[in-house]
C-alpha atoms as a PDB file:
ATOM      1  CA  MET A   1     -24.906  26.809   5.155  1.00  0.00           C
ATOM      2  CA  ARG A   2     -26.943  29.996   5.494  1.00  0.00           C
ATOM      3  CA  ILE A   3     -25.965  32.399   2.709  1.00  0.00           C
ATOM      4  CA  VAL A   4     -27.033  35.998   2.128  1.00  0.00           C
ATOM      5  CA  ILE A   5     -26.501  37.106  -1.465  1.00  0.00           C
ATOM      6  CA  LYS A   6     -26.659  40.791  -2.303  1.00  0.00           C
ATOM      7  CA  ILE A   7     -27.342  41.476  -5.970  1.00  0.00           C
ATOM      8  CA  GLY A   8     -26.469  44.951  -7.201  1.00  0.00           C
ATOM      9  CA  THR A   9     -28.432  46.922  -9.761  1.00  0.00           C
ATOM     10  CA  SER A  10     -25.673  46.530 -12.354  1.00  0.00           C
ATOM     11  CA  SER A  11     -25.926  42.739 -11.952  1.00  0.00           C
ATOM     12  CA  ILE A  12     -29.500  42.479 -13.172  1.00  0.00           C
ATOM     13  CA  ALA A  13     -30.048  45.576 -15.303  1.00  0.00           C
ATOM     14  CA  HIS A  14     -28.514  47.024 -18.439  1.00  0.00           C
ATOM     15  CA  ALA A  15     -27.214  50.596 -18.429  1.00  0.00           C
ATOM     16  CA  THR A  16     -30.618  51.590 -19.857  1.00  0.00           C
ATOM     17  CA  GLY A  17     -32.288  50.420 -16.657  1.00  0.00           C
ATOM     18  CA  ARG A  18     -34.041  47.616 -18.507  1.00  0.00           C
ATOM     19  CA  LEU A  19     -33.795  44.066 -17.181  1.00  0.00           C
ATOM     20  CA  ASN A  20     -30.738  42.012 -18.130  1.00  0.00           C
ATOM     21  CA  ILE A  21     -32.799  38.923 -18.892  1.00  0.00           C
ATOM     22  CA  ARG A  22     -29.959  36.486 -19.580  1.00  0.00           C
ATOM     23  CA  ARG A  23     -28.002  37.450 -16.443  1.00  0.00           C
ATOM     24  CA  MET A  24     -31.033  37.256 -14.182  1.00  0.00           C
ATOM     25  CA  GLU A  25     -32.107  33.887 -15.580  1.00  0.00           C
ATOM     26  CA  GLU A  26     -28.623  32.457 -14.996  1.00  0.00           C
ATOM     27  CA  MET A  27     -28.515  33.936 -11.501  1.00  0.00           C
ATOM     28  CA  CYS A  28     -31.812  32.382 -10.475  1.00  0.00           C
ATOM     29  CA  LYS A  29     -30.804  29.010 -11.937  1.00  0.00           C
ATOM     30  CA  VAL A  30     -27.559  28.845  -9.957  1.00  0.00           C
ATOM     31  CA  ILE A  31     -29.201  30.073  -6.749  1.00  0.00           C
ATOM     32  CA  SER A  32     -31.936  27.447  -7.153  1.00  0.00           C
ATOM     33  CA  ASP A  33     -29.290  24.763  -7.541  1.00  0.00           C
ATOM     34  CA  LEU A  34     -27.492  25.938  -4.393  1.00  0.00           C
ATOM     35  CA  LYS A  35     -30.776  25.733  -2.522  1.00  0.00           C
ATOM     36  CA  ASN A  36     -31.363  22.255  -3.909  1.00  0.00           C
ATOM     37  CA  ALA A  37     -27.959  21.312  -2.495  1.00  0.00           C
ATOM     38  CA  GLY A  38     -29.210  22.153   0.995  1.00  0.00           C
ATOM     39  CA  HIS A  39     -28.135  25.757   1.496  1.00  0.00           C
ATOM     40  CA  GLU A  40     -30.475  28.354   2.979  1.00  0.00           C
ATOM     41  CA  ILE A  41     -30.529  31.337   0.632  1.00  0.00           C
ATOM     42  CA  ILE A  42     -31.564  34.903   1.376  1.00  0.00           C
ATOM     43  CA  LEU A  43     -31.396  37.535  -1.355  1.00  0.00           C
ATOM     44  CA  VAL A  44     -30.962  41.256  -0.862  1.00  0.00           C
ATOM     45  CA  SER A  45     -31.757  42.656  -4.274  1.00  0.00           C
ATOM     46  CA  SER A  46     -31.210  46.173  -5.513  1.00  0.00           C
ATOM     47  CA  GLY A  47     -32.724  47.324  -8.768  1.00  0.00           C
ATOM     48  CA  ALA A  48     -36.168  48.694  -7.934  1.00  0.00           C
ATOM     49  CA  ILE A  49     -35.356  52.330  -8.696  1.00  0.00           C
ATOM     50  CA  GLY A  50     -33.140  51.358 -11.639  1.00  0.00           C
ATOM     51  CA  MET A  51     -35.850  49.204 -13.191  1.00  0.00           C
ATOM     52  CA  GLY A  52     -38.427  51.881 -12.546  1.00  0.00           C
ATOM     53  CA  VAL A  53     -36.233  54.287 -14.490  1.00  0.00           C
ATOM     54  CA  GLY A  54     -36.340  51.949 -17.469  1.00  0.00           C
ATOM     55  CA  LYS A  55     -40.020  51.101 -17.096  1.00  0.00           C
ATOM     56  CA  LEU A  56     -40.990  54.770 -16.961  1.00  0.00           C
ATOM     57  CA  SER A  57     -38.579  55.652 -19.787  1.00  0.00           C
ATOM     58  CA  LEU A  58     -36.853  58.280 -17.654  1.00  0.00           C
ATOM     59  CA  PRO A  59     -33.624  59.801 -19.042  1.00  0.00           C
ATOM     60  CA  GLY A  60     -31.596  58.700 -15.995  1.00  0.00           C
ATOM     61  CA  ARG A  61     -31.698  58.072 -12.263  1.00  0.00           C
ATOM     62  CA  PRO A  62     -33.934  60.793 -10.741  1.00  0.00           C
ATOM     63  CA  THR A  63     -32.547  63.233  -8.203  1.00  0.00           C
ATOM     64  CA  ASP A  64     -35.795  64.437  -6.607  1.00  0.00           C
ATOM     65  CA  MET A  65     -37.427  62.345  -3.888  1.00  0.00           C
ATOM     66  CA  PRO A  66     -40.968  61.964  -5.318  1.00  0.00           C
ATOM     67  CA  THR A  67     -39.632  60.634  -8.638  1.00  0.00           C
ATOM     68  CA  LYS A  68     -37.266  58.255  -6.821  1.00  0.00           C
ATOM     69  CA  GLN A  69     -40.181  56.920  -4.821  1.00  0.00           C
ATOM     70  CA  ALA A  70     -42.344  56.583  -7.933  1.00  0.00           C
ATOM     71  CA  ALA A  71     -39.570  54.744  -9.782  1.00  0.00           C
ATOM     72  CA  ALA A  72     -39.089  52.424  -6.797  1.00  0.00           C
ATOM     73  CA  ALA A  73     -42.811  51.633  -6.662  1.00  0.00           C
ATOM     74  CA  VAL A  74     -42.953  50.778 -10.370  1.00  0.00           C
ATOM     75  CA  GLY A  75     -39.636  48.949 -10.467  1.00  0.00           C
ATOM     76  CA  GLN A  76     -40.282  46.803  -7.391  1.00  0.00           C
ATOM     77  CA  CYS A  77     -43.301  45.266  -9.106  1.00  0.00           C
ATOM     78  CA  GLU A  78     -41.277  44.179 -12.116  1.00  0.00           C
ATOM     79  CA  LEU A  79     -38.402  43.023  -9.929  1.00  0.00           C
ATOM     80  CA  MET A  80     -40.503  40.676  -7.797  1.00  0.00           C
ATOM     81  CA  TYR A  81     -42.610  39.488 -10.720  1.00  0.00           C
ATOM     82  CA  THR A  82     -39.434  38.443 -12.509  1.00  0.00           C
ATOM     83  CA  TYR A  83     -37.939  36.707  -9.468  1.00  0.00           C
ATOM     84  CA  ASP A  84     -41.204  34.866  -8.801  1.00  0.00           C
ATOM     85  CA  ARG A  85     -41.498  33.702 -12.402  1.00  0.00           C
ATOM     86  CA  LEU A  86     -37.896  32.525 -12.665  1.00  0.00           C
ATOM     87  CA  PHE A  87     -37.692  30.730  -9.317  1.00  0.00           C
ATOM     88  CA  THR A  88     -41.063  29.060  -9.903  1.00  0.00           C
ATOM     89  CA  GLN A  89     -39.493  27.320 -12.896  1.00  0.00           C
ATOM     90  CA  TYR A  90     -37.221  25.524 -10.415  1.00  0.00           C
ATOM     91  CA  ASN A  91     -40.015  24.830  -7.907  1.00  0.00           C
ATOM     92  CA  HIS A  92     -38.933  27.436  -5.375  1.00  0.00           C
ATOM     93  CA  THR A  93     -41.177  29.929  -3.618  1.00  0.00           C
ATOM     94  CA  VAL A  94     -40.067  33.508  -3.050  1.00  0.00           C
ATOM     95  CA  ALA A  95     -41.164  35.967  -0.384  1.00  0.00           C
ATOM     96  CA  GLN A  96     -40.926  39.735  -0.635  1.00  0.00           C
ATOM     97  CA  VAL A  97     -39.653  41.540   2.464  1.00  0.00           C
ATOM     98  CA  LEU A  98     -39.436  45.339   2.296  1.00  0.00           C
ATOM     99  CA  ILE A  99     -37.822  46.931   5.319  1.00  0.00           C
ATOM    100  CA  THR A 100     -36.615  50.301   6.566  1.00  0.00           C
ATOM    101  CA  GLY A 101     -33.817  51.224   8.919  1.00  0.00           C
ATOM    102  CA  GLU A 102     -36.287  51.368  11.793  1.00  0.00           C
ATOM    103  CA  ASP A 103     -37.226  47.720  11.245  1.00  0.00           C
ATOM    104  CA  VAL A 104     -33.706  46.558  12.059  1.00  0.00           C
ATOM    105  CA  LEU A 105     -32.709  49.239  14.571  1.00  0.00           C
ATOM    106  CA  SER A 106     -35.766  48.968  16.824  1.00  0.00           C
ATOM    107  CA  PRO A 107     -35.326  45.979  19.189  1.00  0.00           C
ATOM    108  CA  VAL A 108     -39.012  45.046  19.054  1.00  0.00           C
ATOM    109  CA  ARG A 109     -39.378  45.340  15.285  1.00  0.00           C
ATOM    110  CA  CYS A 110     -36.040  43.636  14.717  1.00  0.00           C
ATOM    111  CA  ALA A 111     -37.212  40.678  16.819  1.00  0.00           C
ATOM    112  CA  HIS A 112     -40.329  40.390  14.652  1.00  0.00           C
ATOM    113  CA  PHE A 113     -38.148  40.606  11.544  1.00  0.00           C
ATOM    114  CA  GLU A 114     -35.851  37.832  12.773  1.00  0.00           C
ATOM    115  CA  ASN A 115     -38.810  35.609  13.669  1.00  0.00           C
ATOM    116  CA  THR A 116     -40.376  36.115  10.247  1.00  0.00           C
ATOM    117  CA  MET A 117     -37.110  35.372   8.458  1.00  0.00           C
ATOM    118  CA  ALA A 118     -36.571  32.225  10.526  1.00  0.00           C
ATOM    119  CA  ARG A 119     -40.055  30.961   9.717  1.00  0.00           C
ATOM    120  CA  LEU A 120     -39.701  31.708   6.000  1.00  0.00           C
ATOM    121  CA  LEU A 121     -36.497  29.668   5.913  1.00  0.00           C
ATOM    122  CA  GLU A 122     -38.146  26.843   7.838  1.00  0.00           C
ATOM    123  CA  LEU A 123     -40.924  26.814   5.256  1.00  0.00           C
ATOM    124  CA  GLY A 124     -38.372  26.553   2.452  1.00  0.00           C
ATOM    125  CA  ALA A 125     -38.994  29.976   0.922  1.00  0.00           C
ATOM    126  CA  ILE A 126     -36.356  32.276  -0.548  1.00  0.00           C
ATOM    127  CA  PRO A 127     -36.746  35.673   1.157  1.00  0.00           C
ATOM    128  CA  ILE A 128     -35.969  38.562  -1.193  1.00  0.00           C
ATOM    129  CA  LEU A 129     -35.273  41.785   0.660  1.00  0.00           C
ATOM    130  CA  ASN A 130     -34.995  45.391  -0.384  1.00  0.00           C
ATOM    131  CA  GLU A 131     -35.311  48.712   1.345  1.00  0.00           C
ATOM    132  CA  ASN A 132     -38.826  50.098   1.270  1.00  0.00           C
ATOM    133  CA  ASP A 133     -37.733  53.017  -0.881  1.00  0.00           C
ATOM    134  CA  THR A 134     -41.254  54.308  -1.434  1.00  0.00           C
ATOM    135  CA  VAL A 135     -41.513  55.414   2.206  1.00  0.00           C
ATOM    136  CA  ALA A 136     -37.968  55.341   3.648  1.00  0.00           C
ATOM    137  CA  THR A 137     -36.930  58.750   2.411  1.00  0.00           C
ATOM    138  CA  ASP A 138     -34.066  59.180   4.846  1.00  0.00           C
ATOM    139  CA  GLU A 139     -32.690  55.766   3.813  1.00  0.00           C
ATOM    140  CA  ILE A 140     -32.590  56.801   0.161  1.00  0.00           C
ATOM    141  CA  ILE A 141     -30.684  59.948   1.055  1.00  0.00           C
ATOM    142  CA  MET A 142     -28.355  58.694   3.760  1.00  0.00           C
ATOM    143  CA  ILE A 143     -28.199  54.902   3.966  1.00  0.00           C
ATOM    144  CA  GLY A 144     -29.844  54.061   0.677  1.00  0.00           C
ATOM    145  CA  GLU A 145     -27.544  51.268  -0.436  1.00  0.00           C
ATOM    146  CA  ASN A 146     -28.034  47.575  -0.014  1.00  0.00           C
ATOM    147  CA  ASP A 147     -24.418  46.706   0.844  1.00  0.00           C
ATOM    148  CA  SER A 148     -24.965  47.829   4.426  1.00  0.00           C
ATOM    149  CA  LEU A 149     -28.477  46.421   4.482  1.00  0.00           C
ATOM    150  CA  SER A 150     -27.214  42.988   3.436  1.00  0.00           C
ATOM    151  CA  ALA A 151     -24.615  43.040   6.228  1.00  0.00           C
ATOM    152  CA  ILE A 152     -27.276  44.049   8.764  1.00  0.00           C
ATOM    153  CA  VAL A 153     -29.471  41.182   7.569  1.00  0.00           C
ATOM    154  CA  ALA A 154     -26.586  38.679   7.605  1.00  0.00           C
ATOM    155  CA  VAL A 155     -25.736  39.604  11.189  1.00  0.00           C
ATOM    156  CA  ALA A 156     -29.380  39.573  12.329  1.00  0.00           C
ATOM    157  CA  ILE A 157     -30.090  36.076  10.979  1.00  0.00           C
ATOM    158  CA  HIS A 158     -26.678  34.647  11.932  1.00  0.00           C
ATOM    159  CA  ALA A 159     -25.613  33.876   8.371  1.00  0.00           C
ATOM    160  CA  ASP A 160     -22.470  31.896   7.641  1.00  0.00           C
ATOM    161  CA  LEU A 161     -21.605  33.747   4.457  1.00  0.00           C
ATOM    162  CA  LEU A 162     -22.420  37.085   2.846  1.00  0.00           C
ATOM    163  CA  ILE A 163     -21.794  37.505  -0.884  1.00  0.00           C
ATOM    164  CA  LEU A 164     -21.846  40.933  -2.528  1.00  0.00           C
ATOM    165  CA  LEU A 165     -22.285  40.601  -6.285  1.00  0.00           C
ATOM    166  CA  SER A 166     -21.563  43.673  -8.367  1.00  0.00           C
ATOM    167  CA  ASP A 167     -19.744  44.754 -11.535  1.00  0.00           C
ATOM    168  CA  ILE A 168     -16.297  44.568  -9.916  1.00  0.00           C
ATOM    169  CA  ASP A 169     -14.019  41.575  -9.354  1.00  0.00           C
ATOM    170  CA  GLY A 170     -13.192  42.503  -5.775  1.00  0.00           C
ATOM    171  CA  LEU A 171     -10.896  44.827  -3.850  1.00  0.00           C
ATOM    172  CA  PHE A 172      -7.725  45.914  -5.681  1.00  0.00           C
ATOM    173  CA  ASP A 173      -4.528  47.497  -4.376  1.00  0.00           C
ATOM    174  CA  SER A 174      -5.200  50.433  -6.728  1.00  0.00           C
ATOM    175  CA  ASP A 175      -7.908  51.578  -9.121  1.00  0.00           C
ATOM    176  CA  PRO A 176      -8.037  48.931 -11.896  1.00  0.00           C
ATOM    177  CA  HIS A 177      -9.724  51.440 -14.215  1.00  0.00           C
ATOM    178  CA  ARG A 178      -6.669  53.673 -14.062  1.00  0.00           C
ATOM    179  CA  ASN A 179      -3.912  51.175 -13.398  1.00  0.00           C
ATOM    180  CA  LYS A 180      -3.792  48.112 -15.636  1.00  0.00           C
ATOM    181  CA  ASN A 181      -1.294  46.529 -13.236  1.00  0.00           C
ATOM    182  CA  ALA A 182      -3.638  46.755 -10.252  1.00  0.00           C
ATOM    183  CA  LYS A 183      -3.647  43.521  -8.270  1.00  0.00           C
ATOM    184  CA  LEU A 184      -6.658  41.837  -6.733  1.00  0.00           C
ATOM    185  CA  ILE A 185      -6.509  41.377  -2.969  1.00  0.00           C
ATOM    186  CA  SER A 186      -7.803  37.839  -2.459  1.00  0.00           C
ATOM    187  CA  GLU A 187      -7.999  37.774   1.352  1.00  0.00           C
ATOM    188  CA  VAL A 188      -8.603  40.316   4.100  1.00  0.00           C
ATOM    189  CA  HIS A 189      -8.337  39.197   7.728  1.00  0.00           C
ATOM    190  CA  GLU A 190      -8.480  42.602   9.387  1.00  0.00           C
ATOM    191  CA  MET A 191      -9.930  45.956   8.416  1.00  0.00           C
ATOM    192  CA  THR A 192      -7.069  48.447   8.600  1.00  0.00           C
ATOM    193  CA  ASP A 193      -6.621  52.059   7.597  1.00  0.00           C
ATOM    194  CA  GLU A 194      -4.720  50.809   4.544  1.00  0.00           C
ATOM    195  CA  ILE A 195      -7.691  48.709   3.459  1.00  0.00           C
ATOM    196  CA  TYR A 196     -10.148  51.572   3.914  1.00  0.00           C
ATOM    197  CA  ALA A 197      -7.846  53.826   1.878  1.00  0.00           C
ATOM    198  CA  LEU A 198      -8.350  51.558  -1.146  1.00  0.00           C
ATOM    199  CA  ALA A 199     -12.055  52.441  -1.429  1.00  0.00           C
ATOM    200  CA  GLY A 200     -12.913  54.257  -4.640  1.00  0.00           C
ATOM    201  CA  GLY A 201     -15.918  56.323  -5.603  1.00  0.00           C
ATOM    202  CA  LYS A 202     -19.522  55.610  -6.405  1.00  0.00           C
ATOM    203  CA  GLY A 203     -20.628  52.612  -8.442  1.00  0.00           C
ATOM    204  CA  SER A 204     -22.752  52.532 -11.599  1.00  0.00           C
ATOM    205  CA  SER A 205     -25.011  55.395 -12.634  1.00  0.00           C
ATOM    206  CA  LEU A 206     -28.147  53.418 -11.759  1.00  0.00           C
ATOM    207  CA  GLY A 207     -26.905  52.120  -8.401  1.00  0.00           C
ATOM    208  CA  THR A 208     -25.993  53.834  -5.162  1.00  0.00           C
ATOM    209  CA  GLY A 209     -23.112  51.762  -3.809  1.00  0.00           C
ATOM    210  CA  GLY A 210     -19.361  51.733  -4.276  1.00  0.00           C
ATOM    211  CA  MET A 211     -16.314  50.149  -2.670  1.00  0.00           C
ATOM    212  CA  ALA A 212     -16.618  52.346   0.431  1.00  0.00           C
ATOM    213  CA  THR A 213     -20.065  50.936   1.230  1.00  0.00           C
ATOM    214  CA  LYS A 214     -18.789  47.409   0.629  1.00  0.00           C
ATOM    215  CA  LEU A 215     -15.937  47.872   3.076  1.00  0.00           C
ATOM    216  CA  LYS A 216     -18.409  49.254   5.603  1.00  0.00           C
ATOM    217  CA  ALA A 217     -20.472  46.078   5.130  1.00  0.00           C
ATOM    218  CA  ALA A 218     -17.335  43.946   5.444  1.00  0.00           C
ATOM    219  CA  LYS A 219     -16.460  45.518   8.801  1.00  0.00           C
ATOM    220  CA  MET A 220     -19.956  44.910  10.113  1.00  0.00           C
ATOM    221  CA  ALA A 221     -19.981  41.286   8.953  1.00  0.00           C
ATOM    222  CA  MET A 222     -16.452  40.448  10.111  1.00  0.00           C
ATOM    223  CA  ASP A 223     -17.065  41.818  13.605  1.00  0.00           C
ATOM    224  CA  ALA A 224     -20.064  39.481  13.911  1.00  0.00           C
ATOM    225  CA  GLY A 225     -18.117  36.458  12.684  1.00  0.00           C
ATOM    226  CA  VAL A 226     -19.694  36.427   9.218  1.00  0.00           C
ATOM    227  CA  THR A 227     -17.359  35.885   6.266  1.00  0.00           C
ATOM    228  CA  MET A 228     -18.019  38.156   3.276  1.00  0.00           C
ATOM    229  CA  VAL A 229     -17.002  37.911  -0.369  1.00  0.00           C
ATOM    230  CA  ILE A 230     -17.010  40.635  -3.025  1.00  0.00           C
ATOM    231  CA  ALA A 231     -17.222  39.159  -6.527  1.00  0.00           C
ATOM    232  CA  ASN A 232     -18.238  39.981 -10.079  1.00  0.00           C
ATOM    233  CA  SER A 233     -21.731  38.919 -11.125  1.00  0.00           C
ATOM    234  CA  ASP A 234     -20.702  38.632 -14.784  1.00  0.00           C
ATOM    235  CA  LYS A 235     -20.656  34.834 -14.443  1.00  0.00           C
ATOM    236  CA  PRO A 236     -23.260  33.733 -11.872  1.00  0.00           C
ATOM    237  CA  GLU A 237     -21.785  30.226 -11.716  1.00  0.00           C
ATOM    238  CA  ILE A 238     -18.973  31.601  -9.550  1.00  0.00           C
ATOM    239  CA  LEU A 239     -21.468  31.289  -6.694  1.00  0.00           C
ATOM    240  CA  TYR A 240     -20.624  27.579  -6.680  1.00  0.00           C
ATOM    241  CA  ASP A 241     -16.938  28.292  -6.127  1.00  0.00           C
ATOM    242  CA  ILE A 242     -17.626  30.932  -3.484  1.00  0.00           C
ATOM    243  CA  SER A 243     -19.893  28.618  -1.484  1.00  0.00           C
ATOM    244  CA  GLU A 244     -17.174  25.952  -1.612  1.00  0.00           C
ATOM    245  CA  GLY A 245     -14.570  28.359  -0.251  1.00  0.00           C
ATOM    246  CA  LYS A 246     -12.541  28.579  -3.459  1.00  0.00           C
ATOM    247  CA  PRO A 247     -10.473  31.732  -4.141  1.00  0.00           C
ATOM    248  CA  VAL A 248     -12.897  33.993  -5.985  1.00  0.00           C
ATOM    249  CA  GLY A 249     -12.991  37.770  -5.636  1.00  0.00           C
ATOM    250  CA  THR A 250     -12.000  39.165  -2.252  1.00  0.00           C
ATOM    251  CA  ARG A 251     -12.859  37.153   0.853  1.00  0.00           C
ATOM    252  CA  PHE A 252     -13.166  39.014   4.175  1.00  0.00           C
ATOM    253  CA  PHE A 253     -12.865  36.487   6.968  1.00  0.00           C
ATOM    254  CA  GLY A 254     -15.239  36.824   9.897  1.00  0.00           C
ATOM    255  CA  LYS A 255     -13.636  36.886  13.333  1.00  0.00           C
ATOM    256  CA  GLY A 256     -12.942  33.371  14.531  1.00  0.00           C
ATOM    257  CA  ARG A 257     -13.041  31.918  11.007  1.00  0.00           C
ATOM    258  CA  LYS A 258     -10.142  30.611   8.926  1.00  0.00           C
END
């Protein structure tokens, strides 16, 4: 099975912006095991700007573009160094792929992107994607969240499953932070106005996503026949259950899939 896993900033970094070492080590171990089992794995990893914030000892996520770009440049180095070191322990090779909106919207560039991704998978590498935040200024302002990017990637490479890992358990029928009786919605077969109405606000202070961006990604994936799951990254081993189709988080069924 071809699986795209999107890892949010809150999944691999503490609130300080510094690396969550234990979480990231567990994540890479489970992903390596899934690859050993025969799955093709593609990661879309946030965290470059967040880690740059910690590395540069900034007081919080910057609001001006030059500082965002500087934080992304510094943080991306640490991000890929850490992934490379951890996956090497399990004899897996990683590949860094930094893209912009133009790379997936332009037919010619998108074709090159798809060919490169296909070859990386054939060679047994684990592609790790992120937006090229140091140059894609309009992406940081307008599209700058990896939920949509992961859906675009999943559709482009004809993935079977897209997993969005974040600091939330899934989609609830009301805000679980305000309503202790909020119930998790385990399955979504169609994106309706009622489903969209359940989207809350922005995510963590270091990240850029929220439920609205995840539902946007779900719509994109479902229309292309890709099933998507929103789940909490608190326990990386849930990736086993998700890949086996067990009821974890919220599963959005791609068209034509049961």
